[in-house]
Amino acid sequence: MATPSEKLAASLEILHALQANGNVAIRSADLTRTHRERLLQNGFLQEVIKGWYVPSRPDEVAGQSTAWYTAFWSFVVAYLNHLKGDDWCLSPEGSLALHAENWTVPRQLLVRAVKARNNVTTLPHQTSLLDIRAQLPDKKDLVIKEGVRIFSLPAALIGCGPRYFVQNPTDAHAALAIIRDASEILEPLLEGGHSKIAGRLAGGFRNIGRDRIADDIIRTMHSAGYTVREQNPFEAPPVSLPARAESPYVIRLRIMWQNMRGDVITYFPEASGLPREIDGYLKQVADTYVTDAYNSKVDPTVKTIH
C-alpha cells in the first residue's frame, strides 16, 4: 500500500503534467476528486471559484495574494475561453492599459461579450469580473496579446471615453506615444466619422509633443468635410517624449519620472559638496570599501587606468 507521501507525489505528478501543458487555471474535470482534494488539503491548489483552481505554494501564508495575482491573467483567459469561446474581449479602456504594458491586476475587469448577462463574478482578494452585453470590435480591430482578446490600439483610442485620459494619464500618454504616424489612426476616424474624437486625440498627441500627428489628423479630417475642434483631454501636465520608437515600458518609465521628478527633488538631500580633507576622505572610502562583502577581495588602493 502506498504511503501518504507516495500518494501526494502521484497527485503532484498529475498537477505538474497539467502545468507543463500550460494550464494555470485548473478545472475540476482536469483532476479526479481524490487528487484534487489531496492537493487542496496540502496547499498545492487554491480554489478561485466553484470548479476552478490555481496552483499555489503550501508554505504560503493564509490570506496572501501572491498565487492569485501571479495567475490572474492566465486564469481569466482560460476561464473566458472555456465559458465564451471567441465571444469576448476587454473594454477599450482595459485594452489601452495592456497596449501600454500595464498588467496591474484591476479590482474589476470589464469584459465585453455579445451574449453576456451583465453578471459580476467575484474572484479572490477583492477582485471581480464584470461581463457586459456589448458589440465586439470587427476582426480587423481585435488583437490577441498574451492570450487576452483586446481592441487594437487605434480602435481602443477611439472607443475609450474622455474620462480615461483624466483618470489614467500615464497609460493614455503611453498608448498615444506608441502611434508613430497619423495614418495608423486616421482610417478608423474617417471610417466612423469621428470628428469629436479626432479633436480629442489631436489634443492628446499635441500634449505629448507629437504636433505633426495632431496637425495631420486635423488637416485630413477637414479635407474630408468634418469640423474638428482640437481639445486637450488631459488634466495632467504635458510630457516630453523622444521622437524615436521606444518600448511602452520605457515610455511609461519616462512619464512616471517626469511626473515624480519634482517630488523627488523636494525630498532629496542637498549635495554634500567636495570633501575638504582629501586624504582623510580617501581613507574613509578605503575603510568602507573593504566592508563590502561583494567587492572586498579587490584592493581599493590599486589604481586602474581606463
Protein backbone atom coordinates (compact mmCIF):
# COMPACT_ATOMS: atom_id res chain seq x y z
CA MET A 1 0.00 0.00 0.00
CA ALA A 2 1.32 3.45 -0.94
CA THR A 3 2.36 5.77 1.86
CA PRO A 4 0.80 9.26 2.22
CA SER A 5 3.98 10.78 0.77
CA GLU A 6 3.81 8.48 -2.26
CA LYS A 7 0.13 9.33 -2.78
CA LEU A 8 0.90 13.07 -2.64
CA ALA A 9 3.80 12.57 -5.04
CA ALA A 10 1.44 10.88 -7.52
CA SER A 11 -1.01 13.80 -7.28
CA LEU A 12 1.82 16.29 -7.75
CA GLU A 13 2.95 14.49 -10.88
CA ILE A 14 -0.51 14.93 -12.39
CA LEU A 15 -0.54 18.61 -11.42
CA HIS A 16 2.92 19.04 -12.89
CA ALA A 17 1.76 17.49 -16.18
CA LEU A 18 -1.13 19.97 -16.33
CA GLN A 19 1.20 22.89 -15.69
CA ALA A 20 3.68 21.60 -18.28
CA ASN A 21 0.87 21.84 -20.83
CA GLY A 22 0.37 25.49 -19.92
CA ASN A 23 -2.66 25.02 -17.67
CA VAL A 24 -2.68 27.71 -14.99
CA ALA A 25 -6.43 27.55 -14.46
CA ILE A 26 -7.22 24.03 -13.25
CA ARG A 27 -10.78 22.77 -13.70
CA SER A 28 -12.40 20.13 -11.55
CA ALA A 29 -12.64 17.95 -14.63
CA ASP A 30 -8.85 18.05 -15.01
CA LEU A 31 -8.33 16.07 -11.79
CA THR A 32 -10.05 13.20 -10.09
CA ARG A 33 -11.74 14.05 -6.82
CA THR A 34 -9.09 12.16 -4.84
CA HIS A 35 -6.18 14.03 -6.41
CA ARG A 36 -7.97 17.38 -6.20
CA GLU A 37 -8.82 17.03 -2.50
CA ARG A 38 -5.31 15.81 -1.70
CA LEU A 39 -3.71 18.78 -3.44
CA LEU A 40 -6.12 21.20 -1.78
CA GLN A 41 -5.51 19.72 1.64
CA ASN A 42 -1.74 20.01 1.24
CA GLY A 43 -1.86 23.57 -0.09
CA PHE A 44 -0.83 22.90 -3.69
CA LEU A 45 -4.16 24.15 -5.07
CA GLN A 46 -6.32 27.16 -4.24
CA GLU A 47 -9.98 27.42 -5.17
CA VAL A 48 -10.82 30.53 -7.16
CA ILE A 49 -14.50 29.92 -7.87
CA LYS A 50 -16.53 26.75 -7.72
CA GLY A 51 -14.92 24.20 -10.02
CA TRP A 52 -11.86 26.32 -10.81
CA TYR A 53 -8.47 26.33 -9.10
CA VAL A 54 -4.95 27.73 -9.44
CA PRO A 55 -1.68 26.13 -8.28
CA SER A 56 -0.24 27.52 -5.04
CA ARG A 57 2.61 27.01 -2.61
CA PRO A 58 1.94 25.06 0.58
CA ASP A 59 4.12 27.47 2.59
CA GLU A 60 2.10 30.50 1.50
CA VAL A 61 0.53 32.25 4.48
CA ALA A 62 -3.26 32.12 4.58
CA GLY A 63 -4.69 35.26 3.03
CA GLN A 64 -1.62 36.02 0.94
CA SER A 65 -2.41 37.12 -2.59
CA THR A 66 0.80 36.09 -4.38
CA ALA A 67 -0.58 32.96 -6.06
CA TRP A 68 -3.69 34.75 -7.24
CA TYR A 69 -2.03 37.86 -8.64
CA THR A 70 0.57 35.71 -10.38
CA ALA A 71 -2.11 33.57 -12.04
CA PHE A 72 -4.73 36.29 -12.66
CA TRP A 73 -4.35 36.95 -16.39
CA SER A 74 -3.76 33.32 -17.34
CA PHE A 75 -6.76 32.30 -15.25
CA VAL A 76 -9.02 34.93 -16.82
CA VAL A 77 -8.01 33.89 -20.33
CA ALA A 78 -8.64 30.18 -19.67
CA TYR A 79 -11.91 30.85 -17.84
CA LEU A 80 -13.34 33.17 -20.51
CA ASN A 81 -12.20 30.99 -23.40
CA HIS A 82 -13.92 27.99 -21.78
CA LEU A 83 -17.07 29.94 -20.95
CA LYS A 84 -17.45 32.13 -24.05
CA GLY A 85 -15.17 30.82 -26.78
CA ASP A 86 -14.38 33.76 -29.07
CA ASP A 87 -17.30 35.83 -27.82
CA TRP A 88 -15.37 38.17 -25.52
CA CYS A 89 -12.80 40.90 -25.36
CA LEU A 90 -11.72 43.55 -22.89
CA SER A 91 -13.21 47.02 -22.93
CA PRO A 92 -11.37 49.74 -24.89
CA GLU A 93 -10.05 51.15 -21.60
CA GLY A 94 -8.77 47.75 -20.44
CA SER A 95 -7.24 47.22 -23.87
CA LEU A 96 -5.33 50.51 -23.69
CA ALA A 97 -3.79 49.52 -20.36
CA LEU A 98 -2.38 46.33 -21.88
CA HIS A 99 -1.16 48.14 -25.00
CA ALA A 100 0.72 50.41 -22.58
CA GLU A 101 2.10 47.23 -20.91
CA ASN A 102 0.30 47.96 -17.65
CA TRP A 103 -0.54 44.46 -16.42
CA THR A 104 -1.61 45.57 -12.96
CA VAL A 105 -4.46 43.34 -11.75
CA PRO A 106 -7.60 45.53 -11.76
CA ARG A 107 -10.14 45.46 -8.97
CA GLN A 108 -12.82 44.78 -11.57
CA LEU A 109 -12.05 43.58 -15.07
CA LEU A 110 -14.62 44.77 -17.61
CA VAL A 111 -15.27 42.25 -20.38
CA ARG A 112 -17.49 42.66 -23.43
CA ALA A 113 -19.47 39.79 -24.92
CA VAL A 114 -22.40 39.65 -27.32
CA LYS A 115 -24.16 37.02 -25.18
CA ALA A 116 -23.20 38.44 -21.79
CA ARG A 117 -25.70 38.50 -18.93
CA ASN A 118 -24.27 41.57 -17.19
CA ASN A 119 -23.03 39.39 -14.35
CA VAL A 120 -20.37 40.08 -11.73
CA THR A 121 -18.15 37.09 -10.95
CA THR A 122 -16.47 37.50 -7.56
CA LEU A 123 -12.82 36.50 -7.57
CA PRO A 124 -10.27 36.22 -4.75
CA HIS A 125 -8.76 39.17 -2.89
CA GLN A 126 -11.50 41.68 -3.70
CA THR A 127 -11.18 41.32 -7.46
CA SER A 128 -14.05 40.58 -9.81
CA LEU A 129 -15.05 40.05 -13.42
CA LEU A 130 -17.90 42.06 -14.95
CA ASP A 131 -19.19 40.88 -18.32
CA ILE A 132 -21.43 43.34 -20.13
CA ARG A 133 -23.52 42.78 -23.22
CA ALA A 134 -21.87 44.84 -25.93
CA GLN A 135 -20.80 44.56 -29.53
CA LEU A 136 -17.31 43.23 -30.15
CA PRO A 137 -14.94 45.05 -32.50
CA ASP A 138 -14.57 43.90 -36.08
CA LYS A 139 -11.96 41.21 -36.65
CA LYS A 140 -9.54 43.75 -38.09
CA ASP A 141 -9.85 45.77 -34.88
CA LEU A 142 -9.29 42.87 -32.49
CA VAL A 143 -5.88 41.55 -31.45
CA ILE A 144 -4.72 38.89 -29.00
CA LYS A 145 -1.99 39.90 -26.56
CA GLU A 146 -0.62 37.22 -24.22
CA GLY A 147 -3.85 35.32 -24.84
CA VAL A 148 -6.06 38.28 -23.89
CA ARG A 149 -8.54 39.41 -26.53
CA ILE A 150 -8.36 43.21 -26.79
CA PHE A 151 -9.20 46.11 -29.09
CA SER A 152 -6.42 47.10 -31.48
CA LEU A 153 -4.62 50.25 -30.37
CA PRO A 154 -6.36 52.63 -32.83
CA ALA A 155 -9.78 51.11 -32.08
CA ALA A 156 -9.16 51.34 -28.33
CA LEU A 157 -8.10 55.00 -28.55
CA ILE A 158 -11.26 55.79 -30.48
CA GLY A 159 -13.53 53.63 -28.30
CA CYS A 160 -12.40 54.83 -24.87
CA GLY A 161 -14.28 57.63 -23.14
CA PRO A 162 -12.83 61.08 -22.34
CA ARG A 163 -12.60 60.30 -18.62
CA TYR A 164 -9.92 57.72 -19.30
CA PHE A 165 -7.42 60.44 -20.21
CA VAL A 166 -8.09 62.20 -16.91
CA GLN A 167 -8.13 59.15 -14.67
CA ASN A 168 -5.29 57.20 -16.34
CA PRO A 169 -2.95 59.81 -17.81
CA THR A 170 0.20 57.67 -17.72
CA ASP A 171 -1.35 54.79 -19.66
CA ALA A 172 -3.10 57.19 -22.03
CA HIS A 173 0.11 59.11 -22.70
CA ALA A 174 1.99 55.84 -23.29
CA ALA A 175 -0.71 54.49 -25.62
CA LEU A 176 -0.65 57.66 -27.72
CA ALA A 177 3.15 57.57 -27.87
CA ILE A 178 3.06 54.11 -29.47
CA ILE A 179 1.37 55.60 -32.56
CA ARG A 180 4.17 56.58 -34.94
CA ASP A 181 2.19 58.08 -37.80
CA ALA A 182 -1.23 59.69 -38.25
CA SER A 183 -2.14 57.10 -40.91
CA GLU A 184 -2.48 54.49 -38.13
CA ILE A 185 -5.40 56.35 -36.57
CA LEU A 186 -6.87 58.29 -39.50
CA GLU A 187 -8.53 55.38 -41.31
CA PRO A 188 -10.84 54.38 -38.43
CA LEU A 189 -11.50 58.05 -37.60
CA LEU A 190 -12.62 58.76 -41.18
CA GLU A 191 -14.48 55.46 -41.49
CA GLY A 192 -16.59 56.23 -38.45
CA GLY A 193 -16.86 59.97 -38.99
CA HIS A 194 -15.47 60.56 -35.51
CA SER A 195 -14.93 64.32 -35.66
CA LYS A 196 -15.25 64.92 -31.90
CA ILE A 197 -12.92 62.04 -31.08
CA ALA A 198 -10.47 63.32 -33.71
CA GLY A 199 -10.31 66.65 -31.87
CA ARG A 200 -9.67 64.87 -28.56
CA LEU A 201 -6.92 62.67 -29.99
CA ALA A 202 -5.30 65.58 -31.81
CA GLY A 203 -5.14 67.43 -28.50
CA GLY A 204 -3.73 64.31 -26.85
CA PHE A 205 -0.98 63.94 -29.43
CA ARG A 206 -0.05 67.61 -29.08
CA ASN A 207 0.11 67.09 -25.29
CA ILE A 208 2.96 64.60 -25.77
CA GLY A 209 4.76 66.76 -28.33
CA ARG A 210 3.59 64.91 -31.45
CA ASP A 211 2.49 68.07 -33.27
CA ARG A 212 2.90 66.55 -36.72
CA ILE A 213 0.41 63.77 -35.97
CA ALA A 214 -2.02 66.27 -34.42
CA ASP A 215 -1.79 68.57 -37.46
CA ASP A 216 -2.22 65.66 -39.90
CA ILE A 217 -5.38 64.50 -38.10
CA ILE A 218 -6.99 67.94 -38.18
CA ARG A 219 -5.97 68.69 -41.77
CA THR A 220 -7.14 65.31 -43.11
CA MET A 221 -10.47 65.44 -41.26
CA HIS A 222 -11.07 68.97 -42.52
CA SER A 223 -10.28 67.92 -46.10
CA ALA A 224 -12.86 65.13 -45.74
CA GLY A 225 -15.52 67.68 -44.79
CA TYR A 226 -15.52 67.26 -41.00
CA THR A 227 -15.39 70.10 -38.49
CA VAL A 228 -12.80 69.29 -35.84
CA ARG A 229 -12.21 71.27 -32.66
CA GLU A 230 -8.95 70.30 -31.02
CA GLN A 231 -9.26 69.77 -27.28
CA ASN A 232 -6.63 68.65 -24.78
CA PRO A 233 -8.16 65.62 -23.00
CA PHE A 234 -5.61 65.65 -20.17
CA GLU A 235 -5.65 67.49 -16.88
CA ALA A 236 -2.12 66.26 -16.22
CA PRO A 237 0.81 68.43 -17.43
CA PRO A 238 2.22 67.78 -20.91
CA VAL A 239 5.02 65.25 -21.19
CA SER A 240 8.13 65.31 -23.32
CA LEU A 241 8.93 62.08 -25.15
CA PRO A 242 11.62 61.24 -27.74
CA ALA A 243 10.51 61.04 -31.35
CA ARG A 244 12.23 57.67 -31.83
CA ALA A 245 10.31 54.43 -31.25
CA GLU A 246 10.57 53.03 -27.74
CA SER A 247 9.09 50.17 -25.75
CA PRO A 248 5.86 51.02 -23.89
CA TYR A 249 7.69 50.04 -20.69
CA VAL A 250 10.34 52.70 -21.35
CA ILE A 251 7.69 55.26 -22.27
CA ARG A 252 5.80 54.68 -19.02
CA LEU A 253 9.03 54.95 -17.02
CA ARG A 254 9.85 58.27 -18.71
CA ILE A 255 6.37 59.61 -18.00
CA MET A 256 6.40 58.49 -14.37
CA TRP A 257 9.82 60.06 -13.85
CA GLN A 258 8.67 63.36 -15.33
CA ASN A 259 5.63 63.32 -13.06
CA MET A 260 7.58 62.35 -9.92
CA ARG A 261 10.81 64.26 -10.51
CA GLY A 262 9.62 67.37 -8.69
CA ASP A 263 8.64 65.40 -5.58
CA VAL A 264 11.96 63.54 -5.60
CA ILE A 265 13.92 66.79 -5.82
CA THR A 266 11.89 68.25 -2.95
CA TYR A 267 12.83 65.43 -0.59
CA PHE A 268 16.30 64.71 -1.93
CA PRO A 269 19.07 65.91 0.43
CA GLU A 270 21.40 68.68 -0.62
CA ALA A 271 24.67 67.60 -2.21
CA SER A 272 27.45 67.44 0.35
CA GLY A 273 29.95 69.04 -2.00
CA LEU A 274 33.61 68.19 -2.44
CA PRO A 275 35.50 66.98 0.66
CA ARG A 276 37.92 69.48 2.18
CA GLU A 277 40.37 66.90 3.54
CA ILE A 278 41.24 64.75 0.57
CA ASP A 279 43.49 62.22 2.35
CA GLY A 280 41.00 61.64 5.17
CA TYR A 281 38.17 61.19 2.68
CA LEU A 282 40.12 58.63 0.61
CA LYS A 283 40.96 56.69 3.79
CA GLN A 284 37.27 56.65 4.72
CA VAL A 285 36.39 55.33 1.24
CA ALA A 286 39.05 52.61 1.52
CA ASP A 287 37.90 51.59 5.02
CA THR A 288 34.29 51.42 3.90
CA TYR A 289 35.14 49.54 0.71
CA VAL A 290 36.60 46.50 2.48
CA THR A 291 33.37 46.02 4.43
CA ASP A 292 31.59 45.33 1.18
CA ALA A 293 31.43 41.52 1.00
CA TYR A 294 30.89 41.54 -2.75
CA ASN A 295 33.95 43.64 -3.57
CA SER A 296 36.17 43.02 -0.54
CA LYS A 297 38.55 40.80 -2.49
CA VAL A 298 39.55 43.78 -4.64
CA ASP A 299 42.23 46.08 -3.29
CA PRO A 300 40.78 49.62 -3.49
CA THR A 301 44.28 51.12 -3.41
CA VAL A 302 45.15 49.59 -6.78
CA LYS A 303 44.78 52.21 -9.47
CA THR A 304 43.19 51.20 -12.76
CA ILE A 305 43.88 53.13 -15.95
CA HIS A 306 40.78 53.41 -18.19
